[in-house]
Amino acid sequence: MRAAVLILLLAGTAHADPDNTTLFEVGLALAPPTYLAGVSLHEGSHALMAKLVGADVEELHLFPPGIDPHTNSFRFGWTYVSGLRTRGDRVAFYIAPKITDTVLLGGFAALVLTSAWPRNRYGQLALTVGATGLWIDFAKDVVLFSPNNDVSHVFSLWCMTGWRQIPARLTYAAIAGGLAYVVVQGYEKTFTTPSSATPRVMMLPVLSASF
């Protein structure tokens, strides 16, 4: 009697790619930690720049969002410092989060527009959601005109008031539009490009025995 036993061993089989619905749900779940990271980066950039120019950080509030007791207005976070001696120091302090946003979004662009883009779709999603938070932090100043807004402070320090702000705001909006294109490319790659991973199957030799 001859018996033949075939043994197939799936070695290192790749998990099936998540569908777009799953990615969307995971993206929503990533929103709260992305928000916390965004506030920390924003206010931390203010504080770090203040230290770099020799100022003292008096108050750094990251969470929870609420009413800033100094301005009696709702804010997601706030940073107060003392010792900004020159106009250049103050401009650097207020513009610091935008520098952080631009540098990190530049790194994201280098990933999404080159072969360095990760193959794992969850990794792609995490990067793209993070980039979205950075873009929102950068782009919101296009339409915010409160005197407490960072860009409004910078324009005031540069003596740009009224219609004099129009060219600068248009330039700022153009930069935000370019960064938006990069973020959209990230979403397109995440939701429309399948992973290149394929299952690997290992077949062991046929075992036969005679009885």
N, C-alpha and C. Protein backbone atom coordinates (compact mmCIF):
# COMPACT_ATOMS: atom_id res chain seq x y z
N MET A 1 0.85 -1.18 0.00
CA MET A 1 0.00 0.00 0.00
C MET A 1 0.89 1.23 0.00
N ARG A 2 0.58 2.10 -0.87
CA ARG A 2 1.40 3.30 -0.99
C ARG A 2 0.57 4.51 -0.57
N ALA A 3 1.10 5.28 0.29
CA ALA A 3 0.41 6.51 0.71
C ALA A 3 1.29 7.69 0.39
N ALA A 4 0.69 8.70 -0.13
CA ALA A 4 1.44 9.91 -0.45
C ALA A 4 0.85 11.07 0.35
N VAL A 5 1.71 11.77 0.99
CA VAL A 5 1.27 12.91 1.80
C VAL A 5 1.91 14.17 1.25
N LEU A 6 1.09 15.11 0.84
CA LEU A 6 1.59 16.41 0.38
C LEU A 6 1.48 17.41 1.53
N ILE A 7 2.58 18.05 1.85
CA ILE A 7 2.57 19.05 2.93
C ILE A 7 2.93 20.40 2.32
N LEU A 8 2.01 21.33 2.40
CA LEU A 8 2.25 22.69 1.93
C LEU A 8 2.38 23.59 3.15
N LEU A 9 3.46 24.29 3.19
CA LEU A 9 3.70 25.19 4.32
C LEU A 9 3.73 26.61 3.78
N LEU A 10 2.81 27.43 4.25
CA LEU A 10 2.81 28.83 3.85
C LEU A 10 3.79 29.57 4.76
N ALA A 11 4.94 29.88 4.21
CA ALA A 11 5.98 30.52 5.01
C ALA A 11 6.02 32.00 4.67
N GLY A 12 5.84 32.84 5.69
CA GLY A 12 5.92 34.29 5.48
C GLY A 12 4.81 34.81 4.60
N THR A 13 3.61 34.21 4.63
CA THR A 13 2.53 34.69 3.80
C THR A 13 2.13 36.09 4.24
N ALA A 14 2.04 36.96 3.27
CA ALA A 14 1.69 38.34 3.59
C ALA A 14 0.22 38.43 3.96
N HIS A 15 -0.09 39.25 4.93
CA HIS A 15 -1.47 39.49 5.28
C HIS A 15 -2.15 40.22 4.14
N ALA A 16 -3.44 39.96 3.96
CA ALA A 16 -4.18 40.63 2.90
C ALA A 16 -4.20 42.13 3.15
N ASP A 17 -4.13 42.89 2.09
CA ASP A 17 -4.19 44.34 2.21
C ASP A 17 -5.51 44.76 2.85
N PRO A 18 -5.50 45.74 3.75
CA PRO A 18 -6.77 46.25 4.28
C PRO A 18 -7.53 46.96 3.17
N ASP A 19 -8.87 46.85 3.19
CA ASP A 19 -9.64 47.56 2.18
C ASP A 19 -9.76 49.03 2.58
N ASN A 20 -10.34 49.83 1.67
CA ASN A 20 -10.39 51.27 1.90
C ASN A 20 -11.29 51.63 3.08
N THR A 21 -12.33 50.83 3.32
CA THR A 21 -13.19 51.10 4.47
C THR A 21 -12.42 50.94 5.77
N THR A 22 -11.62 49.88 5.85
CA THR A 22 -10.80 49.67 7.04
C THR A 22 -9.79 50.80 7.21
N LEU A 23 -9.17 51.20 6.12
CA LEU A 23 -8.21 52.30 6.19
C LEU A 23 -8.87 53.58 6.67
N PHE A 24 -10.09 53.84 6.19
CA PHE A 24 -10.81 55.04 6.60
C PHE A 24 -11.09 55.01 8.10
N GLU A 25 -11.52 53.86 8.60
CA GLU A 25 -11.81 53.73 10.03
C GLU A 25 -10.55 53.89 10.88
N VAL A 26 -9.46 53.30 10.42
CA VAL A 26 -8.20 53.44 11.15
C VAL A 26 -7.74 54.90 11.12
N GLY A 27 -7.95 55.56 9.97
CA GLY A 27 -7.59 56.97 9.86
C GLY A 27 -8.34 57.83 10.87
N LEU A 28 -9.63 57.54 11.05
CA LEU A 28 -10.42 58.26 12.06
C LEU A 28 -9.86 58.02 13.46
N ALA A 29 -9.46 56.78 13.72
CA ALA A 29 -8.91 56.45 15.04
C ALA A 29 -7.58 57.16 15.27
N LEU A 30 -6.86 57.46 14.19
CA LEU A 30 -5.58 58.15 14.33
C LEU A 30 -5.73 59.65 14.56
N ALA A 31 -6.95 60.17 14.34
CA ALA A 31 -7.14 61.63 14.45
C ALA A 31 -6.82 62.18 15.84
N PRO A 32 -7.33 61.59 16.94
CA PRO A 32 -7.02 62.15 18.27
C PRO A 32 -5.53 62.20 18.58
N PRO A 33 -4.77 61.09 18.42
CA PRO A 33 -3.34 61.20 18.70
C PRO A 33 -2.62 62.16 17.75
N THR A 34 -3.12 62.27 16.51
CA THR A 34 -2.52 63.22 15.57
C THR A 34 -2.75 64.66 16.05
N TYR A 35 -3.95 64.90 16.58
CA TYR A 35 -4.24 66.23 17.14
C TYR A 35 -3.29 66.57 18.29
N LEU A 36 -3.11 65.61 19.21
CA LEU A 36 -2.21 65.85 20.35
C LEU A 36 -0.78 66.10 19.88
N ALA A 37 -0.34 65.30 18.91
CA ALA A 37 1.01 65.49 18.39
C ALA A 37 1.14 66.84 17.70
N GLY A 38 0.08 67.25 16.99
CA GLY A 38 0.12 68.53 16.29
C GLY A 38 0.22 69.72 17.24
N VAL A 39 -0.58 69.68 18.31
CA VAL A 39 -0.52 70.77 19.30
C VAL A 39 0.86 70.80 19.96
N SER A 40 1.40 69.63 20.26
CA SER A 40 2.72 69.57 20.90
C SER A 40 3.80 70.13 19.98
N LEU A 41 3.73 69.78 18.69
CA LEU A 41 4.71 70.30 17.73
C LEU A 41 4.58 71.82 17.60
N HIS A 42 3.34 72.29 17.52
CA HIS A 42 3.11 73.72 17.33
C HIS A 42 3.64 74.52 18.52
N GLU A 43 3.13 74.19 19.70
CA GLU A 43 3.54 74.96 20.88
C GLU A 43 5.00 74.68 21.24
N GLY A 44 5.44 73.44 21.02
CA GLY A 44 6.84 73.13 21.29
C GLY A 44 7.78 73.90 20.38
N SER A 45 7.36 74.16 19.14
CA SER A 45 8.18 74.95 18.22
C SER A 45 8.32 76.38 18.72
N HIS A 46 7.21 76.94 19.22
CA HIS A 46 7.28 78.28 19.82
C HIS A 46 8.29 78.28 20.97
N ALA A 47 8.15 77.31 21.86
CA ALA A 47 9.01 77.27 23.05
C ALA A 47 10.47 77.05 22.68
N LEU A 48 10.73 76.15 21.74
CA LEU A 48 12.12 75.89 21.34
C LEU A 48 12.75 77.12 20.70
N MET A 49 12.01 77.80 19.84
CA MET A 49 12.56 79.00 19.21
C MET A 49 12.84 80.07 20.25
N ALA A 50 11.95 80.19 21.24
CA ALA A 50 12.18 81.18 22.30
C ALA A 50 13.49 80.89 23.02
N LYS A 51 13.74 79.63 23.33
CA LYS A 51 14.99 79.27 24.00
C LYS A 51 16.19 79.55 23.10
N LEU A 52 16.02 79.29 21.79
CA LEU A 52 17.14 79.49 20.86
C LEU A 52 17.55 80.96 20.76
N VAL A 53 16.58 81.87 20.93
CA VAL A 53 16.93 83.30 20.84
C VAL A 53 17.19 83.90 22.21
N GLY A 54 17.23 83.05 23.25
CA GLY A 54 17.61 83.53 24.58
C GLY A 54 16.48 83.99 25.45
N ALA A 55 15.22 83.67 25.09
CA ALA A 55 14.08 84.07 25.91
C ALA A 55 13.75 82.98 26.93
N ASP A 56 12.86 83.31 27.85
CA ASP A 56 12.43 82.36 28.88
C ASP A 56 10.98 81.94 28.63
N VAL A 57 10.72 80.65 28.73
CA VAL A 57 9.36 80.13 28.57
C VAL A 57 8.64 80.23 29.91
N GLU A 58 7.60 81.05 29.97
CA GLU A 58 6.88 81.26 31.22
C GLU A 58 5.71 80.29 31.38
N GLU A 59 5.08 79.93 30.25
CA GLU A 59 3.91 79.04 30.33
C GLU A 59 3.79 78.27 29.02
N LEU A 60 3.60 76.95 29.13
CA LEU A 60 3.43 76.09 27.96
C LEU A 60 2.23 75.19 28.24
N HIS A 61 1.14 75.41 27.53
CA HIS A 61 -0.10 74.65 27.75
C HIS A 61 -0.40 73.85 26.49
N LEU A 62 -0.42 72.51 26.63
CA LEU A 62 -0.65 71.62 25.49
C LEU A 62 -2.02 70.97 25.52
N PHE A 63 -2.54 70.65 26.70
CA PHE A 63 -3.79 69.92 26.80
C PHE A 63 -4.38 70.15 28.19
N PRO A 64 -5.70 70.21 28.30
CA PRO A 64 -6.71 70.15 27.24
C PRO A 64 -6.91 71.51 26.60
N PRO A 65 -7.59 71.56 25.43
CA PRO A 65 -7.92 72.86 24.86
C PRO A 65 -8.90 73.59 25.77
N GLY A 66 -8.91 74.89 25.69
CA GLY A 66 -9.82 75.64 26.55
C GLY A 66 -9.65 77.14 26.37
N ILE A 67 -10.11 77.87 27.35
CA ILE A 67 -10.06 79.33 27.30
C ILE A 67 -8.69 79.79 27.80
N ASP A 68 -7.98 80.49 26.95
CA ASP A 68 -6.70 81.07 27.34
C ASP A 68 -6.99 82.22 28.31
N PRO A 69 -6.54 82.12 29.56
CA PRO A 69 -6.86 83.16 30.54
C PRO A 69 -6.25 84.51 30.20
N HIS A 70 -5.23 84.51 29.34
CA HIS A 70 -4.58 85.78 28.99
C HIS A 70 -5.35 86.54 27.92
N THR A 71 -6.09 85.83 27.08
CA THR A 71 -6.82 86.49 25.98
C THR A 71 -8.33 86.30 26.09
N ASN A 72 -8.78 85.43 27.03
CA ASN A 72 -10.19 85.10 27.17
C ASN A 72 -10.80 84.58 25.86
N SER A 73 -10.02 83.80 25.13
CA SER A 73 -10.50 83.21 23.88
C SER A 73 -10.16 81.73 23.87
N PHE A 74 -10.95 80.95 23.11
CA PHE A 74 -10.71 79.51 23.03
C PHE A 74 -9.48 79.24 22.18
N ARG A 75 -8.60 78.38 22.71
CA ARG A 75 -7.40 78.01 21.97
C ARG A 75 -7.08 76.55 22.26
N PHE A 76 -6.45 75.89 21.29
CA PHE A 76 -6.06 74.49 21.47
C PHE A 76 -4.82 74.36 22.36
N GLY A 77 -4.00 75.38 22.40
CA GLY A 77 -2.81 75.40 23.23
C GLY A 77 -2.22 76.80 23.22
N TRP A 78 -1.32 77.07 24.14
CA TRP A 78 -0.70 78.40 24.12
C TRP A 78 0.67 78.35 24.78
N THR A 79 1.49 79.31 24.38
CA THR A 79 2.86 79.43 24.90
C THR A 79 3.12 80.90 25.19
N TYR A 80 3.59 81.20 26.38
CA TYR A 80 3.95 82.56 26.74
C TYR A 80 5.41 82.60 27.19
N VAL A 81 6.12 83.59 26.68
CA VAL A 81 7.54 83.71 26.96
C VAL A 81 7.86 85.15 27.32
N SER A 82 9.03 85.34 27.87
CA SER A 82 9.54 86.68 28.16
C SER A 82 10.98 86.76 27.67
N GLY A 83 11.41 87.96 27.34
CA GLY A 83 12.80 88.14 26.94
C GLY A 83 13.05 88.14 25.45
N LEU A 84 11.99 88.33 24.64
CA LEU A 84 12.20 88.50 23.20
C LEU A 84 12.63 89.95 22.98
N ARG A 85 13.90 90.14 22.71
CA ARG A 85 14.46 91.48 22.75
C ARG A 85 14.29 92.27 21.46
N THR A 86 14.31 91.64 20.34
CA THR A 86 14.27 92.36 19.07
C THR A 86 13.05 91.94 18.24
N ARG A 87 12.80 92.71 17.19
CA ARG A 87 11.70 92.35 16.29
C ARG A 87 11.99 91.02 15.62
N GLY A 88 13.25 90.78 15.27
CA GLY A 88 13.62 89.50 14.66
C GLY A 88 13.34 88.33 15.60
N ASP A 89 13.60 88.52 16.90
CA ASP A 89 13.30 87.47 17.87
C ASP A 89 11.80 87.16 17.89
N ARG A 90 10.99 88.20 17.85
CA ARG A 90 9.54 88.00 17.92
C ARG A 90 9.02 87.35 16.63
N VAL A 91 9.55 87.77 15.49
CA VAL A 91 9.14 87.14 14.23
C VAL A 91 9.50 85.66 14.24
N ALA A 92 10.71 85.34 14.68
CA ALA A 92 11.15 83.94 14.73
C ALA A 92 10.26 83.13 15.67
N PHE A 93 9.88 83.73 16.80
CA PHE A 93 9.02 83.04 17.77
C PHE A 93 7.66 82.71 17.16
N TYR A 94 7.05 83.69 16.49
CA TYR A 94 5.70 83.46 15.96
C TYR A 94 5.70 82.55 14.72
N ILE A 95 6.76 82.59 13.93
CA ILE A 95 6.78 81.82 12.68
C ILE A 95 7.31 80.41 12.87
N ALA A 96 7.83 80.09 14.06
CA ALA A 96 8.49 78.80 14.29
C ALA A 96 7.63 77.59 13.92
N PRO A 97 6.32 77.54 14.31
CA PRO A 97 5.53 76.36 13.93
C PRO A 97 5.41 76.17 12.43
N LYS A 98 5.38 77.27 11.67
CA LYS A 98 5.28 77.16 10.22
C LYS A 98 6.57 76.59 9.62
N ILE A 99 7.69 76.91 10.24
CA ILE A 99 8.95 76.33 9.80
C ILE A 99 8.93 74.82 10.04
N THR A 100 8.46 74.42 11.23
CA THR A 100 8.36 72.99 11.54
C THR A 100 7.44 72.28 10.56
N ASP A 101 6.26 72.87 10.30
CA ASP A 101 5.32 72.27 9.35
C ASP A 101 5.94 72.09 7.98
N THR A 102 6.63 73.13 7.51
CA THR A 102 7.21 73.09 6.16
C THR A 102 8.31 72.05 6.05
N VAL A 103 9.16 71.98 7.06
CA VAL A 103 10.27 71.01 7.03
C VAL A 103 9.73 69.58 7.03
N LEU A 104 8.76 69.29 7.92
CA LEU A 104 8.22 67.94 8.00
C LEU A 104 7.42 67.58 6.75
N LEU A 105 6.67 68.54 6.20
CA LEU A 105 5.94 68.26 4.97
C LEU A 105 6.90 68.09 3.79
N GLY A 106 8.04 68.76 3.85
CA GLY A 106 9.05 68.54 2.82
C GLY A 106 9.58 67.12 2.88
N GLY A 107 9.77 66.61 4.10
CA GLY A 107 10.19 65.22 4.24
C GLY A 107 9.12 64.26 3.75
N PHE A 108 7.85 64.58 4.02
CA PHE A 108 6.75 63.75 3.53
C PHE A 108 6.73 63.75 2.00
N ALA A 109 6.96 64.92 1.40
CA ALA A 109 6.99 65.00 -0.06
C ALA A 109 8.10 64.14 -0.63
N ALA A 110 9.26 64.12 0.04
CA ALA A 110 10.38 63.30 -0.43
C ALA A 110 10.01 61.82 -0.41
N LEU A 111 9.16 61.41 0.53
CA LEU A 111 8.72 60.02 0.59
C LEU A 111 7.68 59.71 -0.48
N VAL A 112 6.66 60.56 -0.55
CA VAL A 112 5.52 60.26 -1.41
C VAL A 112 5.84 60.40 -2.89
N LEU A 113 6.83 61.20 -3.22
CA LEU A 113 7.15 61.45 -4.63
C LEU A 113 8.33 60.64 -5.13
N THR A 114 8.84 59.75 -4.28
CA THR A 114 9.98 58.92 -4.67
C THR A 114 9.70 57.47 -4.33
N SER A 115 10.65 56.62 -4.63
CA SER A 115 10.50 55.20 -4.35
C SER A 115 10.66 54.88 -2.86
N ALA A 116 10.93 55.90 -2.04
CA ALA A 116 11.06 55.68 -0.60
C ALA A 116 9.72 55.50 0.09
N TRP A 117 8.62 55.69 -0.62
CA TRP A 117 7.28 55.53 -0.04
C TRP A 117 7.12 54.10 0.48
N PRO A 118 6.68 53.93 1.74
CA PRO A 118 6.59 52.57 2.30
C PRO A 118 5.56 51.73 1.57
N ARG A 119 5.75 50.40 1.63
CA ARG A 119 4.82 49.49 0.97
C ARG A 119 3.63 49.13 1.85
N ASN A 120 3.80 49.18 3.15
CA ASN A 120 2.72 48.82 4.07
C ASN A 120 1.66 49.92 4.06
N ARG A 121 0.42 49.54 3.82
CA ARG A 121 -0.65 50.55 3.68
C ARG A 121 -0.98 51.22 5.01
N TYR A 122 -0.82 50.53 6.11
CA TYR A 122 -1.04 51.18 7.41
C TYR A 122 0.04 52.23 7.66
N GLY A 123 1.27 51.91 7.26
CA GLY A 123 2.34 52.90 7.36
C GLY A 123 2.07 54.10 6.49
N GLN A 124 1.59 53.85 5.27
CA GLN A 124 1.24 54.95 4.36
C GLN A 124 0.16 55.83 4.98
N LEU A 125 -0.85 55.16 5.57
CA LEU A 125 -1.96 55.90 6.17
C LEU A 125 -1.49 56.77 7.33
N ALA A 126 -0.65 56.21 8.20
CA ALA A 126 -0.16 56.97 9.35
C ALA A 126 0.60 58.21 8.90
N LEU A 127 1.45 58.04 7.89
CA LEU A 127 2.21 59.18 7.37
C LEU A 127 1.27 60.24 6.78
N THR A 128 0.27 59.80 6.04
CA THR A 128 -0.62 60.74 5.36
C THR A 128 -1.52 61.48 6.34
N VAL A 129 -2.01 60.77 7.36
CA VAL A 129 -2.83 61.43 8.38
C VAL A 129 -1.99 62.46 9.14
N GLY A 130 -0.75 62.08 9.47
CA GLY A 130 0.14 63.04 10.14
C GLY A 130 0.41 64.25 9.27
N ALA A 131 0.62 64.03 7.97
CA ALA A 131 0.87 65.14 7.05
C ALA A 131 -0.36 66.05 6.94
N THR A 132 -1.54 65.45 7.02
CA THR A 132 -2.78 66.25 6.98
C THR A 132 -2.84 67.21 8.16
N GLY A 133 -2.49 66.71 9.34
CA GLY A 133 -2.47 67.58 10.52
C GLY A 133 -1.49 68.72 10.37
N LEU A 134 -0.31 68.42 9.83
CA LEU A 134 0.68 69.47 9.60
C LEU A 134 0.17 70.50 8.61
N TRP A 135 -0.48 70.01 7.54
CA TRP A 135 -0.99 70.94 6.52
C TRP A 135 -2.07 71.84 7.09
N ILE A 136 -2.99 71.27 7.89
CA ILE A 136 -4.04 72.09 8.49
C ILE A 136 -3.43 73.18 9.36
N ASP A 137 -2.42 72.82 10.15
CA ASP A 137 -1.78 73.81 11.01
C ASP A 137 -1.14 74.93 10.19
N PHE A 138 -0.59 74.56 9.03
CA PHE A 138 0.03 75.57 8.18
C PHE A 138 -1.02 76.39 7.45
N ALA A 139 -2.00 75.72 6.85
CA ALA A 139 -2.92 76.40 5.93
C ALA A 139 -4.00 77.22 6.62
N LYS A 140 -4.32 76.91 7.86
CA LYS A 140 -5.41 77.62 8.53
C LYS A 140 -5.15 79.12 8.60
N ASP A 141 -3.89 79.51 8.61
CA ASP A 141 -3.56 80.93 8.73
C ASP A 141 -3.85 81.72 7.46
N VAL A 142 -4.20 81.02 6.39
CA VAL A 142 -4.59 81.72 5.16
C VAL A 142 -5.89 82.49 5.39
N VAL A 143 -6.77 81.93 6.20
CA VAL A 143 -8.11 82.52 6.38
C VAL A 143 -8.36 83.04 7.79
N LEU A 144 -7.40 82.91 8.68
CA LEU A 144 -7.58 83.41 10.04
C LEU A 144 -6.97 84.81 10.16
N PHE A 145 -7.77 85.75 10.63
CA PHE A 145 -7.32 87.15 10.68
C PHE A 145 -7.31 87.72 12.09
N SER A 146 -7.48 86.85 13.08
CA SER A 146 -7.47 87.33 14.47
C SER A 146 -6.10 87.95 14.78
N PRO A 147 -6.09 89.04 15.55
CA PRO A 147 -4.81 89.64 15.93
C PRO A 147 -3.96 88.73 16.80
N ASN A 148 -4.57 87.69 17.39
CA ASN A 148 -3.82 86.73 18.20
C ASN A 148 -3.22 85.60 17.37
N ASN A 149 -3.52 85.58 16.07
CA ASN A 149 -3.01 84.55 15.18
C ASN A 149 -1.53 84.77 14.91
N ASP A 150 -0.76 83.66 14.78
CA ASP A 150 0.69 83.77 14.59
C ASP A 150 1.07 84.59 13.37
N VAL A 151 0.45 84.29 12.23
CA VAL A 151 0.80 85.01 11.00
C VAL A 151 0.38 86.48 11.09
N SER A 152 -0.75 86.75 11.73
CA SER A 152 -1.17 88.14 11.93
C SER A 152 -0.14 88.91 12.75
N HIS A 153 0.43 88.24 13.76
CA HIS A 153 1.49 88.86 14.55
C HIS A 153 2.69 89.19 13.67
N VAL A 154 3.06 88.25 12.80
CA VAL A 154 4.22 88.47 11.93
C VAL A 154 3.96 89.63 10.97
N PHE A 155 2.78 89.66 10.36
CA PHE A 155 2.46 90.77 9.45
C PHE A 155 2.49 92.11 10.18
N SER A 156 1.99 92.10 11.40
CA SER A 156 2.01 93.34 12.19
C SER A 156 3.45 93.78 12.47
N LEU A 157 4.31 92.83 12.80
CA LEU A 157 5.71 93.16 13.05
C LEU A 157 6.40 93.66 11.80
N TRP A 158 5.95 93.18 10.63
CA TRP A 158 6.51 93.64 9.36
C TRP A 158 5.79 94.88 8.82
N CYS A 159 4.92 95.46 9.66
CA CYS A 159 4.17 96.67 9.29
C CYS A 159 3.26 96.44 8.09
N MET A 160 2.71 95.21 7.98
CA MET A 160 1.76 94.90 6.92
C MET A 160 0.36 94.93 7.52
N THR A 161 -0.41 95.93 7.20
CA THR A 161 -1.78 96.05 7.68
C THR A 161 -2.70 96.32 6.50
N GLY A 162 -3.95 95.94 6.69
CA GLY A 162 -4.93 96.22 5.64
C GLY A 162 -4.58 95.57 4.31
N TRP A 163 -4.69 96.36 3.25
CA TRP A 163 -4.45 95.84 1.90
C TRP A 163 -3.00 95.43 1.67
N ARG A 164 -2.09 95.93 2.51
CA ARG A 164 -0.68 95.55 2.35
C ARG A 164 -0.44 94.06 2.62
N GLN A 165 -1.39 93.42 3.31
CA GLN A 165 -1.26 92.00 3.58
C GLN A 165 -1.62 91.13 2.37
N ILE A 166 -2.33 91.69 1.40
CA ILE A 166 -2.87 90.88 0.31
C ILE A 166 -1.80 90.11 -0.45
N PRO A 167 -0.71 90.76 -0.93
CA PRO A 167 0.31 89.98 -1.65
C PRO A 167 0.93 88.88 -0.79
N ALA A 168 1.18 89.19 0.48
CA ALA A 168 1.79 88.20 1.36
C ALA A 168 0.84 87.04 1.61
N ARG A 169 -0.43 87.33 1.81
CA ARG A 169 -1.40 86.26 2.05
C ARG A 169 -1.61 85.41 0.80
N LEU A 170 -1.56 86.03 -0.38
CA LEU A 170 -1.68 85.26 -1.63
C LEU A 170 -0.48 84.34 -1.80
N THR A 171 0.70 84.84 -1.46
CA THR A 171 1.90 84.00 -1.53
C THR A 171 1.81 82.84 -0.55
N TYR A 172 1.35 83.15 0.65
CA TYR A 172 1.19 82.11 1.68
C TYR A 172 0.17 81.07 1.21
N ALA A 173 -0.93 81.54 0.58
CA ALA A 173 -1.95 80.62 0.09
C ALA A 173 -1.40 79.73 -1.02
N ALA A 174 -0.53 80.28 -1.86
CA ALA A 174 0.06 79.48 -2.94
C ALA A 174 0.95 78.38 -2.37
N ILE A 175 1.72 78.70 -1.33
CA ILE A 175 2.56 77.69 -0.68
C ILE A 175 1.68 76.60 -0.07
N ALA A 176 0.59 77.02 0.59
CA ALA A 176 -0.33 76.05 1.18
C ALA A 176 -0.94 75.16 0.11
N GLY A 177 -1.23 75.74 -1.07
CA GLY A 177 -1.77 74.95 -2.16
C GLY A 177 -0.79 73.91 -2.66
N GLY A 178 0.48 74.28 -2.75
CA GLY A 178 1.51 73.33 -3.15
C GLY A 178 1.65 72.19 -2.16
N LEU A 179 1.59 72.51 -0.88
CA LEU A 179 1.68 71.48 0.15
C LEU A 179 0.44 70.58 0.15
N ALA A 180 -0.72 71.18 -0.18
CA ALA A 180 -1.95 70.38 -0.28
C ALA A 180 -1.82 69.34 -1.39
N TYR A 181 -1.20 69.71 -2.50
CA TYR A 181 -1.00 68.76 -3.60
C TYR A 181 -0.21 67.55 -3.13
N VAL A 182 0.82 67.77 -2.32
CA VAL A 182 1.63 66.67 -1.82
C VAL A 182 0.79 65.75 -0.92
N VAL A 183 -0.03 66.34 -0.05
CA VAL A 183 -0.87 65.54 0.84
C VAL A 183 -1.88 64.72 0.04
N VAL A 184 -2.46 65.33 -0.99
CA VAL A 184 -3.41 64.61 -1.84
C VAL A 184 -2.73 63.43 -2.53
N GLN A 185 -1.49 63.63 -2.97
CA GLN A 185 -0.75 62.53 -3.56
C GLN A 185 -0.57 61.38 -2.57
N GLY A 186 -0.37 61.72 -1.31
CA GLY A 186 -0.25 60.70 -0.29
C GLY A 186 -1.53 59.88 -0.16
N TYR A 187 -2.69 60.57 -0.16
CA TYR A 187 -3.95 59.86 -0.08
C TYR A 187 -4.19 58.99 -1.31
N GLU A 188 -3.84 59.50 -2.48
CA GLU A 188 -4.03 58.72 -3.70
C GLU A 188 -3.18 57.45 -3.67
N LYS A 189 -1.94 57.57 -3.23
CA LYS A 189 -1.09 56.39 -3.16
C LYS A 189 -1.59 55.41 -2.11
N THR A 190 -2.12 55.93 -1.01
CA THR A 190 -2.59 55.07 0.07
C THR A 190 -3.86 54.31 -0.31
N PHE A 191 -4.80 55.01 -0.95
CA PHE A 191 -6.12 54.41 -1.20
C PHE A 191 -6.28 53.80 -2.59
N THR A 192 -5.38 54.08 -3.51
CA THR A 192 -5.57 53.55 -4.86
C THR A 192 -4.45 52.64 -5.32
N THR A 193 -3.30 52.65 -4.64
CA THR A 193 -2.19 51.82 -5.06
C THR A 193 -2.09 50.60 -4.16
N PRO A 194 -2.29 49.40 -4.71
CA PRO A 194 -2.20 48.20 -3.87
C PRO A 194 -0.78 47.92 -3.44
N SER A 195 -0.65 47.22 -2.32
CA SER A 195 0.67 46.82 -1.85
C SER A 195 1.30 45.88 -2.86
N SER A 196 2.62 45.95 -2.97
CA SER A 196 3.32 45.08 -3.90
C SER A 196 3.69 43.75 -3.28
N ALA A 197 3.31 43.60 -1.98
CA ALA A 197 3.65 42.35 -1.30
C ALA A 197 2.80 41.21 -1.86
N THR A 198 3.39 40.06 -2.09
CA THR A 198 2.67 38.90 -2.59
C THR A 198 2.98 37.71 -1.69
N PRO A 199 2.02 36.81 -1.54
CA PRO A 199 2.27 35.65 -0.68
C PRO A 199 3.40 34.79 -1.22
N ARG A 200 4.18 34.24 -0.28
CA ARG A 200 5.25 33.34 -0.68
C ARG A 200 4.90 31.95 -0.17
N VAL A 201 4.91 30.98 -1.06
CA VAL A 201 4.51 29.63 -0.70
C VAL A 201 5.72 28.72 -0.78
N MET A 202 5.90 27.92 0.25
CA MET A 202 6.98 26.95 0.25
C MET A 202 6.36 25.55 0.20
N MET A 203 6.77 24.75 -0.77
CA MET A 203 6.25 23.39 -0.87
C MET A 203 7.34 22.41 -0.45
N LEU A 204 7.01 21.60 0.54
CA LEU A 204 7.95 20.59 0.95
C LEU A 204 7.84 19.38 0.02
N PRO A 205 8.88 18.60 -0.11
CA PRO A 205 8.83 17.45 -1.00
C PRO A 205 7.73 16.47 -0.61
N VAL A 206 7.26 15.71 -1.62
CA VAL A 206 6.25 14.68 -1.37
C VAL A 206 6.88 13.56 -0.56
N LEU A 207 6.19 13.17 0.49
CA LEU A 207 6.65 12.05 1.32
C LEU A 207 5.87 10.82 0.92
N SER A 208 6.55 9.76 0.61
CA SER A 208 5.86 8.52 0.25
C SER A 208 6.40 7.39 1.09
N ALA A 209 5.52 6.45 1.37
CA ALA A 209 5.92 5.29 2.18
C ALA A 209 5.18 4.06 1.70
N SER A 210 5.82 2.93 1.76
CA SER A 210 5.21 1.65 1.38
C SER A 210 5.00 0.81 2.64
N PHE A 211 3.83 0.21 2.71
CA PHE A 211 3.51 -0.63 3.85
C PHE A 211 3.23 -2.03 3.35
